Full PDB file with SEQRES, HELIX, SHEET, SSBOND, CRYST1, ORIGX, SCALE, CONECT and MASTER records, all heavy atoms in Angstrom:
SEQRES   1 A   31  ARG TYR HIS PHE LEU GLY GLY ARG PHE VAL PRO MET ALA          
SEQRES   2 A   31  LEU GLN GLN LYS TYR SER LEU HIS LEU PRO PRO TYR PRO          
SEQRES   3 A   31  GLU THR ASP CYS VAL                                          
HELIX    1 AA1 MET A   12  LYS A   17  1                                   6    
CRYST1    1.000    1.000    1.000  90.00  90.00  90.00 P 1           1          
ORIGX1      1.000000  0.000000  0.000000        0.00000                         
ORIGX2      0.000000  1.000000  0.000000        0.00000                         
ORIGX3      0.000000  0.000000  1.000000        0.00000                         
SCALE1      1.000000  0.000000  0.000000        0.00000                         
SCALE2      0.000000  1.000000  0.000000        0.00000                         
SCALE3      0.000000  0.000000  1.000000        0.00000                         
ATOM      1  N   ARG A   1     108.926 -21.504  58.313  1.00  0.00           N  
ATOM      2  CA  ARG A   1     108.096 -20.661  57.480  1.00  0.00           C  
ATOM      3  C   ARG A   1     108.281 -19.176  57.667  1.00  0.00           C  
ATOM      4  O   ARG A   1     108.212 -18.368  56.716  1.00  0.00           O  
ATOM      5  CB  ARG A   1     106.654 -21.008  57.728  1.00  0.00           C  
ATOM      6  CG  ARG A   1     106.205 -22.369  57.297  1.00  0.00           C  
ATOM      7  CD  ARG A   1     104.720 -22.528  57.420  1.00  0.00           C  
ATOM      8  NE  ARG A   1     104.288 -22.502  58.825  1.00  0.00           N  
ATOM      9  CZ  ARG A   1     103.087 -22.462  59.297  1.00  0.00           C  
ATOM     10  NH1 ARG A   1     102.044 -22.248  58.431  1.00  0.00           N  
ATOM     11  NH2 ARG A   1     102.778 -22.404  60.636  1.00  0.00           N  
ATOM     12  N   TYR A   2     108.650 -18.730  58.923  1.00  0.00           N  
ATOM     13  CA  TYR A   2     108.638 -17.369  59.289  1.00  0.00           C  
ATOM     14  C   TYR A   2     109.959 -16.900  59.800  1.00  0.00           C  
ATOM     15  O   TYR A   2     110.411 -17.406  60.896  1.00  0.00           O  
ATOM     16  CB  TYR A   2     107.543 -17.011  60.261  1.00  0.00           C  
ATOM     17  CG  TYR A   2     106.151 -17.450  59.877  1.00  0.00           C  
ATOM     18  CD1 TYR A   2     105.533 -18.517  60.545  1.00  0.00           C  
ATOM     19  CD2 TYR A   2     105.478 -16.750  58.806  1.00  0.00           C  
ATOM     20  CE1 TYR A   2     104.252 -18.877  60.143  1.00  0.00           C  
ATOM     21  CE2 TYR A   2     104.183 -17.218  58.434  1.00  0.00           C  
ATOM     22  CZ  TYR A   2     103.551 -18.233  59.120  1.00  0.00           C  
ATOM     23  OH  TYR A   2     102.316 -18.673  58.747  1.00  0.00           O  
ATOM     24  N   HIS A   3     110.655 -15.990  59.162  1.00  0.00           N  
ATOM     25  CA  HIS A   3     111.883 -15.358  59.680  1.00  0.00           C  
ATOM     26  C   HIS A   3     111.593 -13.835  59.795  1.00  0.00           C  
ATOM     27  O   HIS A   3     111.359 -13.183  58.802  1.00  0.00           O  
ATOM     28  CB  HIS A   3     113.036 -15.713  58.781  1.00  0.00           C  
ATOM     29  CG  HIS A   3     114.407 -15.186  59.288  1.00  0.00           C  
ATOM     30  ND1 HIS A   3     115.568 -15.171  58.626  1.00  0.00           N  
ATOM     31  CD2 HIS A   3     114.698 -14.791  60.548  1.00  0.00           C  
ATOM     32  CE1 HIS A   3     116.559 -14.716  59.352  1.00  0.00           C  
ATOM     33  NE2 HIS A   3     116.032 -14.570  60.554  1.00  0.00           N  
ATOM     34  N   PHE A   4     111.678 -13.368  61.008  1.00  0.00           N  
ATOM     35  CA  PHE A   4     111.445 -11.965  61.208  1.00  0.00           C  
ATOM     36  C   PHE A   4     112.735 -11.375  61.816  1.00  0.00           C  
ATOM     37  O   PHE A   4     113.545 -12.001  62.563  1.00  0.00           O  
ATOM     38  CB  PHE A   4     110.303 -11.782  62.251  1.00  0.00           C  
ATOM     39  CG  PHE A   4     108.984 -11.764  61.629  1.00  0.00           C  
ATOM     40  CD1 PHE A   4     108.309 -12.941  61.285  1.00  0.00           C  
ATOM     41  CD2 PHE A   4     108.267 -10.529  61.423  1.00  0.00           C  
ATOM     42  CE1 PHE A   4     107.031 -12.929  60.688  1.00  0.00           C  
ATOM     43  CE2 PHE A   4     107.018 -10.520  60.871  1.00  0.00           C  
ATOM     44  CZ  PHE A   4     106.407 -11.733  60.465  1.00  0.00           C  
ATOM     45  N   LEU A   5     112.923 -10.106  61.467  1.00  0.00           N  
ATOM     46  CA  LEU A   5     113.964  -9.287  62.088  1.00  0.00           C  
ATOM     47  C   LEU A   5     113.330  -8.308  63.124  1.00  0.00           C  
ATOM     48  O   LEU A   5     112.287  -7.728  62.759  1.00  0.00           O  
ATOM     49  CB  LEU A   5     114.639  -8.433  61.004  1.00  0.00           C  
ATOM     50  CG  LEU A   5     115.853  -7.482  61.517  1.00  0.00           C  
ATOM     51  CD1 LEU A   5     116.952  -8.271  62.103  1.00  0.00           C  
ATOM     52  CD2 LEU A   5     116.314  -6.647  60.316  1.00  0.00           C  
ATOM     53  N   GLY A   6     113.842  -8.260  64.293  1.00  0.00           N  
ATOM     54  CA  GLY A   6     113.326  -7.399  65.313  1.00  0.00           C  
ATOM     55  C   GLY A   6     114.394  -6.682  66.066  1.00  0.00           C  
ATOM     56  O   GLY A   6     115.636  -7.013  65.948  1.00  0.00           O  
ATOM     57  N   GLY A   7     113.983  -5.691  66.891  1.00  0.00           N  
ATOM     58  CA  GLY A   7     114.923  -4.912  67.600  1.00  0.00           C  
ATOM     59  C   GLY A   7     115.352  -3.619  66.862  1.00  0.00           C  
ATOM     60  O   GLY A   7     116.522  -3.526  66.453  1.00  0.00           O  
ATOM     61  N   ARG A   8     114.419  -2.792  66.652  1.00  0.00           N  
ATOM     62  CA  ARG A   8     114.669  -1.647  65.796  1.00  0.00           C  
ATOM     63  C   ARG A   8     115.369  -0.576  66.625  1.00  0.00           C  
ATOM     64  O   ARG A   8     114.735   0.522  66.915  1.00  0.00           O  
ATOM     65  CB  ARG A   8     113.335  -1.171  65.168  1.00  0.00           C  
ATOM     66  CG  ARG A   8     113.451  -0.063  64.151  1.00  0.00           C  
ATOM     67  CD  ARG A   8     112.169   0.322  63.567  1.00  0.00           C  
ATOM     68  NE  ARG A   8     112.285   1.311  62.469  1.00  0.00           N  
ATOM     69  CZ  ARG A   8     111.230   1.737  61.734  1.00  0.00           C  
ATOM     70  NH1 ARG A   8     110.014   1.304  62.007  1.00  0.00           N  
ATOM     71  NH2 ARG A   8     111.455   2.644  60.823  1.00  0.00           N  
ATOM     72  N   PHE A   9     116.593  -0.730  67.028  1.00  0.00           N  
ATOM     73  CA  PHE A   9     117.270   0.142  67.972  1.00  0.00           C  
ATOM     74  C   PHE A   9     118.742   0.330  67.661  1.00  0.00           C  
ATOM     75  O   PHE A   9     119.453   0.890  68.400  1.00  0.00           O  
ATOM     76  CB  PHE A   9     117.061  -0.248  69.419  1.00  0.00           C  
ATOM     77  CG  PHE A   9     117.343  -1.726  69.666  1.00  0.00           C  
ATOM     78  CD1 PHE A   9     118.639  -2.199  69.569  1.00  0.00           C  
ATOM     79  CD2 PHE A   9     116.322  -2.591  70.035  1.00  0.00           C  
ATOM     80  CE1 PHE A   9     118.887  -3.626  69.852  1.00  0.00           C  
ATOM     81  CE2 PHE A   9     116.621  -3.938  70.281  1.00  0.00           C  
ATOM     82  CZ  PHE A   9     117.907  -4.411  70.184  1.00  0.00           C  
ATOM     83  N   VAL A  10     119.212  -0.228  66.563  1.00  0.00           N  
ATOM     84  CA  VAL A  10     120.623  -0.225  66.147  1.00  0.00           C  
ATOM     85  C   VAL A  10     120.921   1.123  65.524  1.00  0.00           C  
ATOM     86  O   VAL A  10     120.437   1.367  64.389  1.00  0.00           O  
ATOM     87  CB  VAL A  10     121.045  -1.402  65.289  1.00  0.00           C  
ATOM     88  CG1 VAL A  10     122.507  -1.366  65.136  1.00  0.00           C  
ATOM     89  CG2 VAL A  10     120.572  -2.667  65.871  1.00  0.00           C  
ATOM     90  N   PRO A  11     121.772   2.028  66.102  1.00  0.00           N  
ATOM     91  CA  PRO A  11     122.035   3.278  65.477  1.00  0.00           C  
ATOM     92  C   PRO A  11     122.749   3.105  64.145  1.00  0.00           C  
ATOM     93  O   PRO A  11     123.493   2.127  63.965  1.00  0.00           O  
ATOM     94  CB  PRO A  11     123.063   3.909  66.532  1.00  0.00           C  
ATOM     95  CG  PRO A  11     122.746   3.232  67.849  1.00  0.00           C  
ATOM     96  CD  PRO A  11     122.297   1.865  67.477  1.00  0.00           C  
ATOM     97  N   MET A  12     122.537   4.051  63.180  1.00  0.00           N  
ATOM     98  CA  MET A  12     123.071   3.864  61.930  1.00  0.00           C  
ATOM     99  C   MET A  12     124.553   3.778  61.906  1.00  0.00           C  
ATOM    100  O   MET A  12     125.161   2.981  61.115  1.00  0.00           O  
ATOM    101  CB  MET A  12     122.652   5.152  61.081  1.00  0.00           C  
ATOM    102  CG  MET A  12     123.115   4.998  59.543  1.00  0.00           C  
ATOM    103  SD  MET A  12     122.460   3.386  58.760  1.00  0.00           S  
ATOM    104  CE  MET A  12     120.716   3.680  58.830  1.00  0.00           C  
ATOM    105  N   ALA A  13     125.293   4.524  62.783  1.00  0.00           N  
ATOM    106  CA  ALA A  13     126.755   4.433  62.795  1.00  0.00           C  
ATOM    107  C   ALA A  13     127.238   2.996  63.195  1.00  0.00           C  
ATOM    108  O   ALA A  13     128.197   2.550  62.617  1.00  0.00           O  
ATOM    109  CB  ALA A  13     127.301   5.397  63.804  1.00  0.00           C  
ATOM    110  N   LEU A  14     126.544   2.309  64.004  1.00  0.00           N  
ATOM    111  CA  LEU A  14     126.862   0.996  64.453  1.00  0.00           C  
ATOM    112  C   LEU A  14     126.532  -0.036  63.295  1.00  0.00           C  
ATOM    113  O   LEU A  14     127.288  -0.990  63.058  1.00  0.00           O  
ATOM    114  CB  LEU A  14     126.060   0.637  65.683  1.00  0.00           C  
ATOM    115  CG  LEU A  14     126.704  -0.493  66.499  1.00  0.00           C  
ATOM    116  CD1 LEU A  14     128.130  -0.196  66.952  1.00  0.00           C  
ATOM    117  CD2 LEU A  14     125.831  -0.706  67.790  1.00  0.00           C  
ATOM    118  N   GLN A  15     125.418   0.266  62.623  1.00  0.00           N  
ATOM    119  CA  GLN A  15     125.087  -0.591  61.439  1.00  0.00           C  
ATOM    120  C   GLN A  15     126.256  -0.517  60.417  1.00  0.00           C  
ATOM    121  O   GLN A  15     126.646  -1.564  59.836  1.00  0.00           O  
ATOM    122  CB  GLN A  15     123.759  -0.116  60.872  1.00  0.00           C  
ATOM    123  CG  GLN A  15     122.521  -0.358  61.679  1.00  0.00           C  
ATOM    124  CD  GLN A  15     121.250  -0.053  60.935  1.00  0.00           C  
ATOM    125  OE1 GLN A  15     121.144  -0.248  59.760  1.00  0.00           O  
ATOM    126  NE2 GLN A  15     120.320   0.590  61.639  1.00  0.00           N  
ATOM    127  N   GLN A  16     126.703   0.711  60.105  1.00  0.00           N  
ATOM    128  CA  GLN A  16     127.817   0.947  59.186  1.00  0.00           C  
ATOM    129  C   GLN A  16     129.052   0.311  59.578  1.00  0.00           C  
ATOM    130  O   GLN A  16     129.769  -0.320  58.865  1.00  0.00           O  
ATOM    131  CB  GLN A  16     127.885   2.386  58.874  1.00  0.00           C  
ATOM    132  CG  GLN A  16     126.634   3.010  58.174  1.00  0.00           C  
ATOM    133  CD  GLN A  16     126.664   4.519  58.096  1.00  0.00           C  
ATOM    134  OE1 GLN A  16     127.534   5.176  58.808  1.00  0.00           O  
ATOM    135  NE2 GLN A  16     125.862   5.126  57.254  1.00  0.00           N  
ATOM    136  N   LYS A  17     129.400   0.437  60.875  1.00  0.00           N  
ATOM    137  CA  LYS A  17     130.661  -0.087  61.398  1.00  0.00           C  
ATOM    138  C   LYS A  17     130.775  -1.624  61.192  1.00  0.00           C  
ATOM    139  O   LYS A  17     131.811  -2.116  60.815  1.00  0.00           O  
ATOM    140  CB  LYS A  17     130.750   0.261  62.881  1.00  0.00           C  
ATOM    141  CG  LYS A  17     132.102  -0.281  63.481  1.00  0.00           C  
ATOM    142  CD  LYS A  17     132.145   0.210  64.963  1.00  0.00           C  
ATOM    143  CE  LYS A  17     133.466  -0.428  65.602  1.00  0.00           C  
ATOM    144  NZ  LYS A  17     133.635  -0.008  67.016  1.00  0.00           N  
ATOM    145  N   TYR A  18     129.677  -2.271  61.421  1.00  0.00           N  
ATOM    146  CA  TYR A  18     129.665  -3.724  61.246  1.00  0.00           C  
ATOM    147  C   TYR A  18     129.078  -4.273  59.907  1.00  0.00           C  
ATOM    148  O   TYR A  18     128.801  -5.396  59.795  1.00  0.00           O  
ATOM    149  CB  TYR A  18     128.919  -4.375  62.467  1.00  0.00           C  
ATOM    150  CG  TYR A  18     129.725  -4.230  63.698  1.00  0.00           C  
ATOM    151  CD1 TYR A  18     129.483  -3.162  64.584  1.00  0.00           C  
ATOM    152  CD2 TYR A  18     130.599  -5.247  64.070  1.00  0.00           C  
ATOM    153  CE1 TYR A  18     130.197  -3.079  65.768  1.00  0.00           C  
ATOM    154  CE2 TYR A  18     131.351  -5.038  65.275  1.00  0.00           C  
ATOM    155  CZ  TYR A  18     131.129  -4.016  66.106  1.00  0.00           C  
ATOM    156  OH  TYR A  18     131.783  -3.801  67.290  1.00  0.00           O  
ATOM    157  N   SER A  19     128.827  -3.406  59.036  1.00  0.00           N  
ATOM    158  CA  SER A  19     128.358  -3.660  57.672  1.00  0.00           C  
ATOM    159  C   SER A  19     127.132  -4.594  57.758  1.00  0.00           C  
ATOM    160  O   SER A  19     126.918  -5.578  57.076  1.00  0.00           O  
ATOM    161  CB  SER A  19     129.422  -4.419  56.814  1.00  0.00           C  
ATOM    162  OG  SER A  19     130.590  -3.590  56.766  1.00  0.00           O  
ATOM    163  N   LEU A  20     126.117  -4.121  58.498  1.00  0.00           N  
ATOM    164  CA  LEU A  20     124.921  -4.920  58.750  1.00  0.00           C  
ATOM    165  C   LEU A  20     123.987  -4.846  57.621  1.00  0.00           C  
ATOM    166  O   LEU A  20     123.252  -5.769  57.314  1.00  0.00           O  
ATOM    167  CB  LEU A  20     124.252  -4.463  60.098  1.00  0.00           C  
ATOM    168  CG  LEU A  20     125.027  -4.660  61.343  1.00  0.00           C  
ATOM    169  CD1 LEU A  20     124.270  -4.219  62.556  1.00  0.00           C  
ATOM    170  CD2 LEU A  20     125.532  -6.019  61.587  1.00  0.00           C  
ATOM    171  N   HIS A  21     123.914  -3.726  56.871  1.00  0.00           N  
ATOM    172  CA  HIS A  21     123.006  -3.563  55.729  1.00  0.00           C  
ATOM    173  C   HIS A  21     121.546  -4.001  56.137  1.00  0.00           C  
ATOM    174  O   HIS A  21     120.907  -4.704  55.428  1.00  0.00           O  
ATOM    175  CB  HIS A  21     123.501  -4.422  54.481  1.00  0.00           C  
ATOM    176  CG  HIS A  21     124.922  -4.048  54.155  1.00  0.00           C  
ATOM    177  ND1 HIS A  21     125.316  -2.845  53.706  1.00  0.00           N  
ATOM    178  CD2 HIS A  21     125.998  -4.862  54.110  1.00  0.00           C  
ATOM    179  CE1 HIS A  21     126.600  -2.926  53.451  1.00  0.00           C  
ATOM    180  NE2 HIS A  21     127.040  -4.145  53.682  1.00  0.00           N  
ATOM    181  N   LEU A  22     121.121  -3.453  57.272  1.00  0.00           N  
ATOM    182  CA  LEU A  22     119.786  -3.841  57.636  1.00  0.00           C  
ATOM    183  C   LEU A  22     118.766  -3.134  56.771  1.00  0.00           C  
ATOM    184  O   LEU A  22     118.877  -1.996  56.411  1.00  0.00           O  
ATOM    185  CB  LEU A  22     119.530  -3.378  59.138  1.00  0.00           C  
ATOM    186  CG  LEU A  22     120.388  -4.009  60.169  1.00  0.00           C  
ATOM    187  CD1 LEU A  22     120.057  -3.498  61.572  1.00  0.00           C  
ATOM    188  CD2 LEU A  22     120.300  -5.475  60.195  1.00  0.00           C  
ATOM    189  N   PRO A  23     117.699  -3.886  56.306  1.00  0.00           N  
ATOM    190  CA  PRO A  23     116.675  -3.313  55.451  1.00  0.00           C  
ATOM    191  C   PRO A  23     115.827  -2.285  56.277  1.00  0.00           C  
ATOM    192  O   PRO A  23     115.820  -2.411  57.451  1.00  0.00           O  
ATOM    193  CB  PRO A  23     115.876  -4.494  55.023  1.00  0.00           C  
ATOM    194  CG  PRO A  23     116.037  -5.528  56.063  1.00  0.00           C  
ATOM    195  CD  PRO A  23     117.430  -5.252  56.635  1.00  0.00           C  
ATOM    196  N   PRO A  24     115.179  -1.344  55.514  1.00  0.00           N  
ATOM    197  CA  PRO A  24     114.346  -0.435  56.253  1.00  0.00           C  
ATOM    198  C   PRO A  24     113.030  -1.131  56.766  1.00  0.00           C  
ATOM    199  O   PRO A  24     112.493  -1.882  56.070  1.00  0.00           O  
ATOM    200  CB  PRO A  24     113.964   0.616  55.182  1.00  0.00           C  
ATOM    201  CG  PRO A  24     114.153  -0.147  53.803  1.00  0.00           C  
ATOM    202  CD  PRO A  24     115.312  -1.125  54.114  1.00  0.00           C  
ATOM    203  N   TYR A  25     112.747  -0.868  58.049  1.00  0.00           N  
ATOM    204  CA  TYR A  25     111.539  -1.379  58.570  1.00  0.00           C  
ATOM    205  C   TYR A  25     110.376  -0.572  57.983  1.00  0.00           C  
ATOM    206  O   TYR A  25     110.448   0.647  57.653  1.00  0.00           O  
ATOM    207  CB  TYR A  25     111.490  -1.149  60.079  1.00  0.00           C  
ATOM    208  CG  TYR A  25     112.407  -2.077  60.836  1.00  0.00           C  
ATOM    209  CD1 TYR A  25     113.763  -1.846  61.000  1.00  0.00           C  
ATOM    210  CD2 TYR A  25     111.842  -3.193  61.514  1.00  0.00           C  
ATOM    211  CE1 TYR A  25     114.581  -2.750  61.703  1.00  0.00           C  
ATOM    212  CE2 TYR A  25     112.667  -4.114  62.181  1.00  0.00           C  
ATOM    213  CZ  TYR A  25     114.005  -3.816  62.335  1.00  0.00           C  
ATOM    214  OH  TYR A  25     114.846  -4.628  63.105  1.00  0.00           O  
ATOM    215  N   PRO A  26     109.211  -1.303  57.773  1.00  0.00           N  
ATOM    216  CA  PRO A  26     108.064  -0.600  57.275  1.00  0.00           C  
ATOM    217  C   PRO A  26     107.413   0.409  58.320  1.00  0.00           C  
ATOM    218  O   PRO A  26     107.138   0.123  59.382  1.00  0.00           O  
ATOM    219  CB  PRO A  26     107.048  -1.743  56.992  1.00  0.00           C  
ATOM    220  CG  PRO A  26     107.474  -2.788  57.876  1.00  0.00           C  
ATOM    221  CD  PRO A  26     108.933  -2.719  58.039  1.00  0.00           C  
ATOM    222  N   GLU A  27     107.295   1.647  57.863  1.00  0.00           N  
ATOM    223  CA  GLU A  27     106.738   2.768  58.630  1.00  0.00           C  
ATOM    224  C   GLU A  27     107.152   2.724  60.018  1.00  0.00           C  
ATOM    225  O   GLU A  27     108.379   2.938  60.299  1.00  0.00           O  
ATOM    226  CB  GLU A  27     105.150   2.541  58.427  1.00  0.00           C  
ATOM    227  CG  GLU A  27     104.709   2.680  57.045  1.00  0.00           C  
ATOM    228  CD  GLU A  27     103.200   2.541  56.859  1.00  0.00           C  
ATOM    229  OE1 GLU A  27     102.494   2.123  57.870  1.00  0.00           O  
ATOM    230  OE2 GLU A  27     102.683   2.928  55.753  1.00  0.00           O  
ATOM    231  N   THR A  28     106.274   2.537  60.968  1.00  0.00           N  
ATOM    232  CA  THR A  28     106.636   2.605  62.380  1.00  0.00           C  
ATOM    233  C   THR A  28     106.778   1.221  63.025  1.00  0.00           C  
ATOM    234  O   THR A  28     106.861   1.052  64.248  1.00  0.00           O  
ATOM    235  CB  THR A  28     105.572   3.360  63.240  1.00  0.00           C  
ATOM    236  OG1 THR A  28     104.278   2.795  63.046  1.00  0.00           O  
ATOM    237  CG2 THR A  28     105.503   4.773  62.739  1.00  0.00           C  
ATOM    238  N   ASP A  29     106.741   0.126  62.213  1.00  0.00           N  
ATOM    239  CA  ASP A  29     106.801  -1.225  62.693  1.00  0.00           C  
ATOM    240  C   ASP A  29     108.198  -1.478  63.422  1.00  0.00           C  
ATOM    241  O   ASP A  29     109.233  -0.967  63.016  1.00  0.00           O  
ATOM    242  CB  ASP A  29     106.680  -2.277  61.626  1.00  0.00           C  
ATOM    243  CG  ASP A  29     105.241  -2.382  61.144  1.00  0.00           C  
ATOM    244  OD1 ASP A  29     104.449  -1.551  61.595  1.00  0.00           O  
ATOM    245  OD2 ASP A  29     104.971  -3.160  60.245  1.00  0.00           O  
ATOM    246  N   CYS A  30     108.183  -2.355  64.460  1.00  0.00           N  
ATOM    247  CA  CYS A  30     109.392  -2.720  65.157  1.00  0.00           C  
ATOM    248  C   CYS A  30     109.839  -4.107  64.708  1.00  0.00           C  
ATOM    249  O   CYS A  30     110.878  -4.558  65.246  1.00  0.00           O  
ATOM    250  CB  CYS A  30     109.120  -2.664  66.666  1.00  0.00           C  
ATOM    251  SG  CYS A  30     107.871  -3.928  67.233  1.00  0.00           S  
ATOM    252  N   VAL A  31     109.201  -4.704  63.684  1.00  0.00           N  
ATOM    253  CA  VAL A  31     109.584  -5.930  63.103  1.00  0.00           C  
ATOM    254  C   VAL A  31     109.535  -5.882  61.645  1.00  0.00           C  
ATOM    255  O   VAL A  31     108.767  -5.168  61.107  1.00  0.00           O  
ATOM    256  CB  VAL A  31     108.782  -7.216  63.690  1.00  0.00           C  
ATOM    257  CG1 VAL A  31     109.056  -7.330  65.223  1.00  0.00           C  
ATOM    258  CG2 VAL A  31     107.326  -6.998  63.338  1.00  0.00           C  
TER     259      VAL A  31                                                      
MASTER        0    0    0    1    0    0    0    6  258    1    0    3          
END                                                                             
């Protein structure tokens, strides 16, 4: 029922390097 993404610490350059396309986290949430 529940799939969460956590670990809001991946630098943008690393996201781009691996084509992660992570969605924006809401406000200050860490999940």
